[in-house]
């Protein structure tokens, strides 16, 4: 059974940076699209960034140029580096795994979520 454990997150001022990390276990990591999604209060969960095992990447328009997703297939981890954070980035961030290569759909496996709050 796939398990995802997130770390990172917290409170940061506008313009600051945070790094989220997700550890994957329970299957062959390189076969999965790994992604980060977020859900702000009162809003639906939305895609932030996804990455295939082969390195194809997809970003939401709202984070392009500010966020970077990266994965280490040897360590079974996927990170999200978030720079120039804005108040509208405040949300609970979730790690997600989907078997295959589709970048635009989430899979059935979710981490527990980690809160990111951008506020002065």
C-alpha atoms as a PDB file:
ATOM      1  CA  UNK A   1       0.000   0.000   0.000  1.00  0.00           C
ATOM      2  CA  UNK A   2       1.360   3.390  -0.997  1.00  0.00           C
ATOM      3  CA  UNK A   3       2.033   5.727   1.885  1.00  0.00           C
ATOM      4  CA  UNK A   4       2.963   9.380   1.668  1.00  0.00           C
ATOM      5  CA  UNK A   5       4.409  11.389   4.530  1.00  0.00           C
ATOM      6  CA  UNK A   6       4.862  15.127   4.174  1.00  0.00           C
ATOM      7  CA  UNK A   7       7.136  17.470   6.048  1.00  0.00           C
ATOM      8  CA  UNK A   8       7.822  21.170   5.935  1.00  0.00           C
ATOM      9  CA  UNK A   9       5.308  23.964   5.838  1.00  0.00           C
ATOM     10  CA  UNK A  10       4.661  26.620   8.440  1.00  0.00           C
ATOM     11  CA  UNK A  11       4.289  30.355   8.699  1.00  0.00           C
ATOM     12  CA  UNK A  12       6.227  32.678   6.403  1.00  0.00           C
ATOM     13  CA  UNK A  13       6.055  36.339   5.489  1.00  0.00           C
ATOM     14  CA  UNK A  14       5.073  37.456   1.983  1.00  0.00           C
ATOM     15  CA  UNK A  15       8.054  37.179  -0.324  1.00  0.00           C
ATOM     16  CA  UNK A  16       9.576  34.412   1.747  1.00  0.00           C
ATOM     17  CA  UNK A  17      10.367  30.805   0.902  1.00  0.00           C
ATOM     18  CA  UNK A  18       9.434  27.370   2.165  1.00  0.00           C
ATOM     19  CA  UNK A  19      10.292  23.843   1.130  1.00  0.00           C
ATOM     20  CA  UNK A  20       7.921  20.910   1.391  1.00  0.00           C
ATOM     21  CA  UNK A  21       9.044  17.315   1.210  1.00  0.00           C
ATOM     22  CA  UNK A  22       7.130  14.077   0.712  1.00  0.00           C
ATOM     23  CA  UNK A  23       8.444  10.581   1.409  1.00  0.00           C
ATOM     24  CA  UNK A  24       6.930   7.718  -0.611  1.00  0.00           C
ATOM     25  CA  UNK A  25       6.821   4.068   0.381  1.00  0.00           C
ATOM     26  CA  UNK A  26       4.971   0.888  -0.498  1.00  0.00           C
ATOM     27  CA  UNK A  27       5.546   0.567  -4.229  1.00  0.00           C
ATOM     28  CA  UNK A  28       7.943   1.400  -7.072  1.00  0.00           C
ATOM     29  CA  UNK A  29       8.337   5.145  -6.870  1.00  0.00           C
ATOM     30  CA  UNK A  30       9.514   5.748 -10.409  1.00  0.00           C
ATOM     31  CA  UNK A  31       6.258   4.367 -11.823  1.00  0.00           C
ATOM     32  CA  UNK A  32       4.205   7.116 -10.205  1.00  0.00           C
ATOM     33  CA  UNK A  33       3.402  10.668 -11.095  1.00  0.00           C
ATOM     34  CA  UNK A  34       4.055  12.629  -7.938  1.00  0.00           C
ATOM     35  CA  UNK A  35       2.272  15.846  -7.309  1.00  0.00           C
ATOM     36  CA  UNK A  36       1.495  18.632  -4.918  1.00  0.00           C
ATOM     37  CA  UNK A  37      -2.029  19.922  -4.517  1.00  0.00           C
ATOM     38  CA  UNK A  38      -3.434  22.542  -2.197  1.00  0.00           C
ATOM     39  CA  UNK A  39      -6.742  23.475  -0.655  1.00  0.00           C
ATOM     40  CA  UNK A  40      -7.497  26.899   0.728  1.00  0.00           C
ATOM     41  CA  UNK A  41     -10.412  27.509   3.115  1.00  0.00           C
ATOM     42  CA  UNK A  42     -13.695  27.480   1.251  1.00  0.00           C
ATOM     43  CA  UNK A  43     -12.093  26.419  -2.013  1.00  0.00           C
ATOM     44  CA  UNK A  44     -11.662  23.195  -3.921  1.00  0.00           C
ATOM     45  CA  UNK A  45      -8.427  21.295  -3.920  1.00  0.00           C
ATOM     46  CA  UNK A  46      -6.265  22.349  -6.845  1.00  0.00           C
ATOM     47  CA  UNK A  47      -3.183  21.102  -8.646  1.00  0.00           C
ATOM     48  CA  UNK A  48       0.032  22.946  -7.869  1.00  0.00           C
ATOM     49  CA  UNK A  49       2.696  20.885  -9.610  1.00  0.00           C
ATOM     50  CA  UNK A  50       3.187  17.338 -10.863  1.00  0.00           C
ATOM     51  CA  UNK A  51       6.176  15.359 -12.077  1.00  0.00           C
ATOM     52  CA  UNK A  52       6.471  12.009 -13.846  1.00  0.00           C
ATOM     53  CA  UNK A  53       9.100   9.429 -13.020  1.00  0.00           C
ATOM     54  CA  UNK A  54      10.881  10.442 -16.186  1.00  0.00           C
ATOM     55  CA  UNK A  55      10.955  14.098 -15.256  1.00  0.00           C
ATOM     56  CA  UNK A  56       8.081  15.681 -17.194  1.00  0.00           C
ATOM     57  CA  UNK A  57       6.645  18.515 -15.134  1.00  0.00           C
ATOM     58  CA  UNK A  58       3.417  20.464 -15.031  1.00  0.00           C
ATOM     59  CA  UNK A  59       2.734  23.629 -13.018  1.00  0.00           C
ATOM     60  CA  UNK A  60      -0.372  25.605 -12.274  1.00  0.00           C
ATOM     61  CA  UNK A  61      -0.177  29.000 -13.936  1.00  0.00           C
ATOM     62  CA  UNK A  62      -0.425  30.708 -10.558  1.00  0.00           C
ATOM     63  CA  UNK A  63       2.878  29.230  -9.353  1.00  0.00           C
ATOM     64  CA  UNK A  64       4.972  29.177 -12.538  1.00  0.00           C
ATOM     65  CA  UNK A  65       8.293  30.917 -11.988  1.00  0.00           C
ATOM     66  CA  UNK A  66       7.937  30.783  -8.212  1.00  0.00           C
ATOM     67  CA  UNK A  67       7.583  27.098  -7.305  1.00  0.00           C
ATOM     68  CA  UNK A  68       9.822  24.208  -8.316  1.00  0.00           C
ATOM     69  CA  UNK A  69       8.953  20.544  -8.004  1.00  0.00           C
ATOM     70  CA  UNK A  70      11.753  18.007  -7.881  1.00  0.00           C
ATOM     71  CA  UNK A  71      11.986  14.310  -7.194  1.00  0.00           C
ATOM     72  CA  UNK A  72      14.713  11.896  -6.237  1.00  0.00           C
ATOM     73  CA  UNK A  73      13.927   8.428  -7.568  1.00  0.00           C
ATOM     74  CA  UNK A  74      16.745   6.936  -5.508  1.00  0.00           C
ATOM     75  CA  UNK A  75      15.435   8.340  -2.227  1.00  0.00           C
ATOM     76  CA  UNK A  76      11.712   8.062  -3.067  1.00  0.00           C
ATOM     77  CA  UNK A  77      11.087  11.685  -2.271  1.00  0.00           C
ATOM     78  CA  UNK A  78       9.451  14.631  -3.975  1.00  0.00           C
ATOM     79  CA  UNK A  79       9.998  18.217  -2.904  1.00  0.00           C
ATOM     80  CA  UNK A  80       8.280  21.504  -3.583  1.00  0.00           C
ATOM     81  CA  UNK A  81      10.434  24.605  -3.307  1.00  0.00           C
ATOM     82  CA  UNK A  82       8.229  27.656  -2.921  1.00  0.00           C
ATOM     83  CA  UNK A  83       9.733  31.101  -3.432  1.00  0.00           C
ATOM     84  CA  UNK A  84       8.246  34.581  -3.431  1.00  0.00           C
ATOM     85  CA  UNK A  85       5.264  33.352  -1.492  1.00  0.00           C
ATOM     86  CA  UNK A  86       2.056  35.340  -1.553  1.00  0.00           C
ATOM     87  CA  UNK A  87      -0.902  35.501   0.793  1.00  0.00           C
ATOM     88  CA  UNK A  88      -2.974  33.625  -1.788  1.00  0.00           C
ATOM     89  CA  UNK A  89      -0.616  30.655  -1.475  1.00  0.00           C
ATOM     90  CA  UNK A  90      -1.980  30.044   2.008  1.00  0.00           C
ATOM     91  CA  UNK A  91      -3.497  26.575   2.043  1.00  0.00           C
ATOM     92  CA  UNK A  92      -3.099  23.026   3.197  1.00  0.00           C
ATOM     93  CA  UNK A  93      -0.675  21.339   0.808  1.00  0.00           C
ATOM     94  CA  UNK A  94      -1.035  17.663  -0.029  1.00  0.00           C
ATOM     95  CA  UNK A  95       1.340  15.211  -1.638  1.00  0.00           C
ATOM     96  CA  UNK A  96      -0.281  12.903  -4.181  1.00  0.00           C
ATOM     97  CA  UNK A  97       0.688   9.802  -6.120  1.00  0.00           C
ATOM     98  CA  UNK A  98      -0.803   8.441  -9.333  1.00  0.00           C
ATOM     99  CA  UNK A  99       0.385   5.339 -11.172  1.00  0.00           C
ATOM    100  CA  UNK A 100       1.322   6.111 -14.757  1.00  0.00           C
ATOM    101  CA  UNK A 101       2.248   9.272 -16.641  1.00  0.00           C
ATOM    102  CA  UNK A 102      -0.811  11.537 -16.608  1.00  0.00           C
ATOM    103  CA  UNK A 103       0.219  14.907 -15.245  1.00  0.00           C
ATOM    104  CA  UNK A 104      -3.169  16.551 -14.975  1.00  0.00           C
ATOM    105  CA  UNK A 105      -5.157  14.156 -12.821  1.00  0.00           C
ATOM    106  CA  UNK A 106      -4.620  13.259  -9.209  1.00  0.00           C
ATOM    107  CA  UNK A 107      -4.216   9.710  -8.040  1.00  0.00           C
ATOM    108  CA  UNK A 108      -5.874   7.913  -5.148  1.00  0.00           C
ATOM    109  CA  UNK A 109      -2.988   8.280  -2.704  1.00  0.00           C
ATOM    110  CA  UNK A 110      -2.726  11.344  -0.479  1.00  0.00           C
ATOM    111  CA  UNK A 111      -0.503  12.509   2.311  1.00  0.00           C
ATOM    112  CA  UNK A 112      -1.915  13.910   5.520  1.00  0.00           C
ATOM    113  CA  UNK A 113      -1.462  17.515   4.425  1.00  0.00           C
ATOM    114  CA  UNK A 114       0.729  20.294   5.749  1.00  0.00           C
ATOM    115  CA  UNK A 115      -0.322  23.864   6.447  1.00  0.00           C
ATOM    116  CA  UNK A 116       1.370  26.747   4.674  1.00  0.00           C
ATOM    117  CA  UNK A 117       0.448  30.207   5.920  1.00  0.00           C
ATOM    118  CA  UNK A 118       1.752  33.339   4.252  1.00  0.00           C
ATOM    119  CA  UNK A 119       1.159  36.356   6.423  1.00  0.00           C
ATOM    120  CA  UNK A 120       2.922  39.375   7.796  1.00  0.00           C
END
